[in-house]
Amino acid sequence: MDTSHLMFRDGLMAGERILITGGGTGLGKEMAEGFLKLGAEIHICGRRGGVCEETARELMAAHGGKVVPHACDIRVADAITDMNDKIWSEHGPLTGLVNNAAGNFISRTEDLSVRGFDAIANIVFRGTFYMTHDIGTRWIREGLRGNVCSILTTWVWNGGPFVVPSAMSKAGVNVMTQSLAVEWGPKGLRFNAIAPGPFPTEGMTKRLAPQAKSTEEMGTERTTPNPMGRIGKMHEFVNLATFLMGPGAEYVNGQTIAIDGAMYNASGGNFSGLAAWGDAEWQAAKEAIMATNNKDKADRTV
């Protein structure tokens, strides 16, 4: 990311200690870099501990500051507790949490197995709640302020054909955001979410547009082109995340904000265009997604 496009003053996030789940790659890494450049202490976690370690080294070499990697499977509540115990004891309480870790792949729903559904729901739905609950209850016990931002999609408003497990799970996180903003707002905690449109990353492209030749082609299978005629730029996404996670917008609570160039307004922003695919296209997509998953499994350390 070209951090020269960040629209906030240097040092804005000094004193913030923020955990980003799934922070070793993709949008998580982009947010980690943006927050770090503005002075925050960053913690990133993921199942592939080696990837988080590499990202931490890369970001600190480029920008200085402090990035702490953690190997953690957020599907396991005890693993979350152990990681947060370590953060609190060795570094101090977090001030912010970004629920970014996710999993997704395109599939006809009739082709899904229970295992396939759980692969998404256990990360996005259960893992996000486990993490939010563990950190939120620590803040409440200690009388601390806290700020949570969850990364969703516009499908929470209109459904997600061919990505039903993700749409269901992220819709649940959207409701969690609204609910806890009211329940825990009086305790000094804030909850907001971002619903990005096409901000293609390598992992996303390989699972949601396996036929695309590059990340720039991500989204070409959707029903209509983006009204702005392009995909999102990473600094645009990071600027919105900074607005929600940095100081100065404390009255924003319980909101999910779309950043998609009005794609949701124009076309629904989902994968309804894949209804035109036949068996051959779905088989090719399945094989490509399985190859990506097998490579990722080989890289995991936990």
Protein backbone atom coordinates (compact mmCIF):
# COMPACT_ATOMS: atom_id res chain seq x y z
CA MET A 1 0.00 0.00 0.00
CA ASP A 2 1.19 3.51 -0.82
CA THR A 3 0.88 5.03 2.65
CA SER A 4 1.38 8.53 1.24
CA HIS A 5 -2.36 8.51 0.56
CA LEU A 6 -3.25 8.17 4.24
CA MET A 7 -5.30 11.24 5.16
CA PHE A 8 -4.48 11.49 8.87
CA ARG A 9 -1.74 13.31 10.78
CA ASP A 10 1.38 11.48 11.91
CA GLY A 11 1.14 10.04 15.40
CA LEU A 12 -2.67 10.01 15.40
CA MET A 13 -2.81 6.46 16.78
CA ALA A 14 0.06 6.69 19.25
CA GLY A 15 -0.95 4.92 22.46
CA GLU A 16 -3.30 2.54 20.68
CA ARG A 17 -2.67 -1.20 20.97
CA ILE A 18 -4.72 -2.96 18.31
CA LEU A 19 -5.16 -6.65 17.51
CA ILE A 20 -6.00 -7.52 13.90
CA THR A 21 -7.18 -11.08 13.31
CA GLY A 22 -6.04 -12.48 9.99
CA GLY A 23 -3.49 -9.67 10.02
CA GLY A 24 -0.70 -11.44 8.17
CA THR A 25 -2.15 -11.06 4.69
CA GLY A 26 -4.70 -9.19 2.61
CA LEU A 27 -6.81 -6.44 4.10
CA GLY A 28 -5.54 -7.29 7.59
CA LYS A 29 -1.96 -6.61 6.55
CA GLU A 30 -3.00 -3.36 4.86
CA MET A 31 -4.69 -2.13 8.06
CA ALA A 32 -1.71 -3.22 10.15
CA GLU A 33 0.61 -1.15 7.97
CA GLY A 34 -1.65 1.90 8.01
CA PHE A 35 -2.20 1.85 11.78
CA LEU A 36 1.50 1.20 12.42
CA LYS A 37 2.54 4.17 10.32
CA LEU A 38 0.26 6.36 12.44
CA GLY A 39 1.91 5.24 15.67
CA ALA A 40 -0.16 2.31 16.94
CA GLU A 41 1.29 -0.82 18.49
CA ILE A 42 0.04 -3.67 16.32
CA HIS A 43 -0.71 -7.29 17.14
CA ILE A 44 -1.60 -9.67 14.34
CA CYS A 45 -2.77 -13.26 14.56
CA GLY A 46 -3.54 -16.11 12.22
CA ARG A 47 -3.37 -19.87 11.90
CA ARG A 48 -0.24 -19.57 9.77
CA GLY A 49 2.14 -18.29 12.40
CA GLY A 50 5.06 -18.11 10.02
CA VAL A 51 3.15 -15.76 7.73
CA CYS A 52 2.38 -13.44 10.66
CA GLU A 53 6.04 -13.46 11.69
CA GLU A 54 7.14 -12.58 8.17
CA THR A 55 4.60 -9.74 7.96
CA ALA A 56 5.70 -8.36 11.33
CA ARG A 57 9.34 -8.28 10.22
CA GLU A 58 8.46 -6.68 6.90
CA LEU A 59 6.33 -3.92 8.40
CA MET A 60 8.78 -3.03 11.16
CA ALA A 61 11.65 -2.93 8.66
CA ALA A 62 9.66 -0.50 6.52
CA HIS A 63 8.15 1.71 9.21
CA GLY A 64 9.72 0.95 12.58
CA GLY A 65 7.36 0.68 15.52
CA LYS A 66 6.08 -2.53 17.04
CA VAL A 67 4.26 -5.40 15.36
CA VAL A 68 3.78 -8.56 17.43
CA PRO A 69 2.79 -11.78 15.63
CA HIS A 70 0.72 -14.53 17.24
CA ALA A 71 -0.15 -18.00 15.97
CA CYS A 72 -3.79 -18.50 16.95
CA ASP A 73 -6.73 -20.48 15.60
CA ILE A 74 -9.72 -18.30 16.45
CA ARG A 75 -12.04 -21.28 16.03
CA VAL A 76 -10.70 -22.49 19.40
CA ALA A 77 -11.89 -20.38 22.34
CA ASP A 78 -9.10 -21.59 24.66
CA ALA A 79 -6.48 -20.56 22.10
CA ILE A 80 -7.95 -17.05 22.06
CA THR A 81 -7.86 -16.85 25.85
CA ASP A 82 -4.23 -18.01 25.93
CA MET A 83 -3.18 -15.45 23.33
CA ASN A 84 -4.97 -12.57 25.04
CA ASP A 85 -3.55 -13.59 28.43
CA LYS A 86 -0.10 -13.30 26.86
CA ILE A 87 -0.85 -9.92 25.29
CA TRP A 88 -2.21 -8.50 28.54
CA SER A 89 0.67 -9.81 30.65
CA GLU A 90 3.57 -9.04 28.29
CA HIS A 91 2.39 -5.89 26.50
CA GLY A 92 -0.61 -4.47 28.32
CA PRO A 93 -4.34 -4.27 27.56
CA LEU A 94 -5.50 -3.87 24.01
CA THR A 95 -7.38 -0.71 23.11
CA GLY A 96 -8.84 -2.02 19.86
CA LEU A 97 -9.81 -5.17 17.99
CA VAL A 98 -10.32 -5.61 14.26
CA ASN A 99 -12.26 -8.77 13.45
CA ASN A 100 -10.82 -9.37 10.01
CA ALA A 101 -10.14 -13.13 9.90
CA ALA A 102 -12.49 -14.87 7.50
CA GLY A 103 -12.88 -17.75 5.14
CA ASN A 104 -14.96 -17.98 1.99
CA PHE A 105 -15.28 -19.76 -1.32
CA ILE A 106 -17.87 -19.82 -4.08
CA SER A 107 -20.05 -22.92 -4.31
CA ARG A 108 -23.51 -23.94 -5.32
CA THR A 109 -25.29 -24.44 -2.02
CA GLU A 110 -26.54 -27.89 -3.08
CA ASP A 111 -22.88 -28.92 -3.43
CA LEU A 112 -21.94 -27.84 0.11
CA SER A 113 -21.17 -30.37 2.82
CA VAL A 114 -21.61 -29.81 6.54
CA ARG A 115 -17.83 -29.70 6.77
CA GLY A 116 -17.69 -27.02 4.10
CA PHE A 117 -20.29 -24.94 5.90
CA ASP A 118 -18.46 -25.29 9.21
CA ALA A 119 -15.15 -24.29 7.59
CA ILE A 120 -16.61 -20.81 7.08
CA ALA A 121 -19.04 -20.50 10.00
CA ASN A 122 -16.51 -21.62 12.62
CA ILE A 123 -14.15 -18.80 11.64
CA VAL A 124 -16.47 -15.95 10.73
CA PHE A 125 -19.43 -16.52 13.06
CA ARG A 126 -18.08 -18.40 16.07
CA GLY A 127 -14.48 -17.20 15.98
CA THR A 128 -15.47 -13.56 15.72
CA PHE A 129 -17.80 -13.90 18.70
CA TYR A 130 -15.23 -15.82 20.76
CA MET A 131 -12.62 -13.11 20.16
CA THR A 132 -15.00 -10.21 20.76
CA HIS A 133 -16.39 -11.77 23.93
CA ASP A 134 -12.97 -12.61 25.39
CA ILE A 135 -11.57 -9.12 24.83
CA GLY A 136 -14.79 -7.28 25.61
CA THR A 137 -15.24 -8.93 28.98
CA ARG A 138 -11.63 -8.08 29.88
CA TRP A 139 -12.30 -4.42 29.11
CA ILE A 140 -15.46 -4.45 31.19
CA ARG A 141 -13.80 -6.13 34.18
CA GLU A 142 -10.94 -3.64 34.11
CA GLY A 143 -13.08 -0.56 33.43
CA LEU A 144 -11.26 0.20 30.17
CA ARG A 145 -12.44 1.80 26.95
CA GLY A 146 -12.45 -0.43 23.90
CA ASN A 147 -13.13 -0.22 20.20
CA VAL A 148 -14.11 -3.04 17.83
CA CYS A 149 -14.38 -2.97 14.05
CA SER A 150 -15.54 -6.05 12.13
CA ILE A 151 -14.95 -6.51 8.42
CA LEU A 152 -18.17 -7.66 6.74
CA THR A 153 -19.61 -7.45 3.21
CA THR A 154 -22.62 -5.76 1.64
CA TRP A 155 -24.23 -9.21 1.47
CA VAL A 156 -25.37 -8.73 5.06
CA TRP A 157 -28.15 -6.54 3.64
CA ASN A 158 -29.29 -8.53 0.62
CA GLY A 159 -27.91 -12.06 0.87
CA GLY A 160 -25.09 -13.83 -0.91
CA PRO A 161 -26.02 -16.44 -3.49
CA PHE A 162 -23.23 -18.99 -3.96
CA VAL A 163 -21.52 -17.80 -0.73
CA VAL A 164 -24.34 -18.69 1.70
CA PRO A 165 -22.16 -19.75 4.68
CA SER A 166 -20.28 -16.44 4.54
CA ALA A 167 -23.42 -14.37 4.04
CA MET A 168 -25.14 -16.07 6.99
CA SER A 169 -22.11 -15.72 9.23
CA LYS A 170 -21.34 -12.11 8.41
CA ALA A 171 -25.00 -11.18 8.82
CA GLY A 172 -24.73 -12.61 12.33
CA VAL A 173 -21.66 -10.47 13.03
CA ASN A 174 -23.56 -7.44 11.71
CA VAL A 175 -26.31 -8.10 14.27
CA MET A 176 -23.67 -8.63 16.98
CA THR A 177 -22.23 -5.20 16.10
CA GLN A 178 -25.61 -3.52 16.47
CA SER A 179 -26.49 -5.43 19.64
CA LEU A 180 -23.25 -4.88 21.56
CA ALA A 181 -23.11 -1.21 20.58
CA VAL A 182 -26.25 -0.81 22.69
CA GLU A 183 -25.50 -3.32 25.44
CA TRP A 184 -21.84 -2.47 26.01
CA GLY A 185 -21.87 1.16 24.82
CA PRO A 186 -22.63 2.40 28.34
CA LYS A 187 -19.54 0.50 29.54
CA GLY A 188 -17.24 2.51 27.25
CA LEU A 189 -17.06 0.09 24.33
CA ARG A 190 -17.80 0.87 20.68
CA PHE A 191 -18.72 -1.51 17.85
CA ASN A 192 -18.73 -0.70 14.16
CA ALA A 193 -18.18 -2.57 10.90
CA ILE A 194 -17.01 -2.03 7.34
CA ALA A 195 -18.68 -3.67 4.33
CA PRO A 196 -16.11 -3.48 1.52
CA GLY A 197 -16.83 -4.10 -2.12
CA PRO A 198 -14.11 -5.33 -4.49
CA PHE A 199 -10.73 -4.81 -2.83
CA PRO A 200 -9.09 -7.87 -4.37
CA THR A 201 -6.37 -9.75 -2.55
CA GLU A 202 -4.62 -12.89 -3.72
CA GLY A 203 -6.41 -15.24 -1.32
CA MET A 204 -9.81 -13.71 -2.02
CA THR A 205 -9.37 -13.89 -5.77
CA LYS A 206 -8.34 -17.55 -5.75
CA ARG A 207 -11.46 -18.58 -3.81
CA LEU A 208 -14.09 -16.14 -5.07
CA ALA A 209 -12.96 -15.66 -8.67
CA PRO A 210 -10.75 -18.68 -9.41
CA GLN A 211 -11.22 -18.10 -13.15
CA ALA A 212 -9.69 -14.60 -12.92
CA LYS A 213 -6.16 -14.21 -14.27
CA SER A 214 -5.31 -11.45 -11.79
CA THR A 215 -6.70 -9.64 -8.78
CA GLU A 216 -7.74 -6.80 -11.10
CA GLU A 217 -10.20 -9.16 -12.79
CA MET A 218 -11.87 -9.98 -9.47
CA GLY A 219 -15.56 -9.16 -9.68
CA THR A 220 -15.97 -9.46 -13.44
CA GLU A 221 -18.50 -12.27 -12.96
CA ARG A 222 -20.89 -10.03 -11.05
CA THR A 223 -24.12 -8.79 -12.57
CA THR A 224 -23.12 -5.25 -13.59
CA PRO A 225 -19.87 -3.27 -13.62
CA ASN A 226 -18.98 -1.06 -10.70
CA PRO A 227 -20.49 2.42 -11.21
CA MET A 228 -17.05 3.96 -10.65
CA GLY A 229 -15.49 1.68 -13.26
CA ARG A 230 -12.76 0.28 -11.01
CA ILE A 231 -11.93 -1.80 -7.97
CA GLY A 232 -11.15 -0.24 -4.61
CA LYS A 233 -7.73 1.12 -3.71
CA MET A 234 -6.23 -0.16 -0.48
CA HIS A 235 -5.52 3.26 0.98
CA GLU A 236 -9.21 4.12 0.63
CA PHE A 237 -10.15 1.11 2.75
CA VAL A 238 -7.43 1.82 5.32
CA ASN A 239 -8.53 5.45 5.64
CA LEU A 240 -12.04 4.34 6.59
CA ALA A 241 -10.70 1.78 9.06
CA THR A 242 -8.48 4.47 10.61
CA PHE A 243 -11.46 6.80 10.98
CA LEU A 244 -13.31 4.12 12.95
CA MET A 245 -10.35 2.84 14.99
CA GLY A 246 -8.52 6.09 15.72
CA PRO A 247 -9.48 8.92 18.08
CA GLY A 248 -11.96 11.59 17.09
CA ALA A 249 -15.02 9.61 16.00
CA GLU A 250 -16.13 8.20 19.35
CA TYR A 251 -19.79 9.04 18.73
CA VAL A 252 -19.92 6.62 15.79
CA ASN A 253 -21.32 3.40 17.25
CA GLY A 254 -23.39 0.50 15.98
CA GLN A 255 -22.81 1.29 12.30
CA THR A 256 -21.88 -0.81 9.27
CA ILE A 257 -20.41 1.40 6.54
CA ALA A 258 -20.16 0.25 2.92
CA ILE A 259 -17.15 1.20 0.82
CA ASP A 260 -17.83 -0.21 -2.62
CA GLY A 261 -18.15 2.60 -5.16
CA ALA A 262 -21.97 2.24 -5.01
CA MET A 263 -21.77 -1.29 -6.43
CA TYR A 264 -24.28 -2.56 -3.87
CA ASN A 265 -26.71 0.19 -4.85
CA ALA A 266 -26.33 -0.55 -8.55
CA SER A 267 -26.37 -4.33 -8.65
CA GLY A 268 -26.65 -5.84 -5.19
CA GLY A 269 -22.88 -6.37 -5.19
CA ASN A 270 -23.11 -10.14 -4.83
CA PHE A 271 -22.47 -13.25 -6.94
CA SER A 272 -25.90 -13.63 -8.50
CA GLY A 273 -24.26 -13.56 -11.94
CA LEU A 274 -22.87 -17.04 -11.30
CA ALA A 275 -26.35 -18.45 -11.88
CA ALA A 276 -25.30 -18.66 -15.53
CA TRP A 277 -22.56 -21.19 -14.76
CA GLY A 278 -22.98 -24.86 -15.63
CA ASP A 279 -21.43 -28.04 -14.26
CA ALA A 280 -18.15 -27.56 -16.11
CA GLU A 281 -17.52 -24.10 -14.70
CA TRP A 282 -18.34 -25.21 -11.17
CA GLN A 283 -16.07 -28.25 -11.42
CA ALA A 284 -13.19 -26.10 -12.64
CA ALA A 285 -13.76 -23.63 -9.81
CA LYS A 286 -13.89 -26.42 -7.24
CA GLU A 287 -10.57 -27.86 -8.41
CA ALA A 288 -8.87 -24.47 -8.36
CA ILE A 289 -10.16 -23.68 -4.86
CA MET A 290 -9.07 -27.09 -3.53
CA ALA A 291 -5.55 -26.50 -4.86
CA THR A 292 -5.39 -23.16 -3.05
CA ASN A 293 -6.67 -24.70 0.19
CA ASN A 294 -4.13 -27.52 0.05
CA LYS A 295 -1.29 -25.03 -0.38
CA ASP A 296 -2.50 -22.98 2.60
CA LYS A 297 -2.76 -26.09 4.81
CA ALA A 298 0.85 -26.93 4.03
CA ASP A 299 1.91 -23.48 5.24
CA ARG A 300 0.13 -23.59 8.61
CA THR A 301 2.05 -24.02 11.80
CA VAL A 302 -0.98 -24.49 14.12
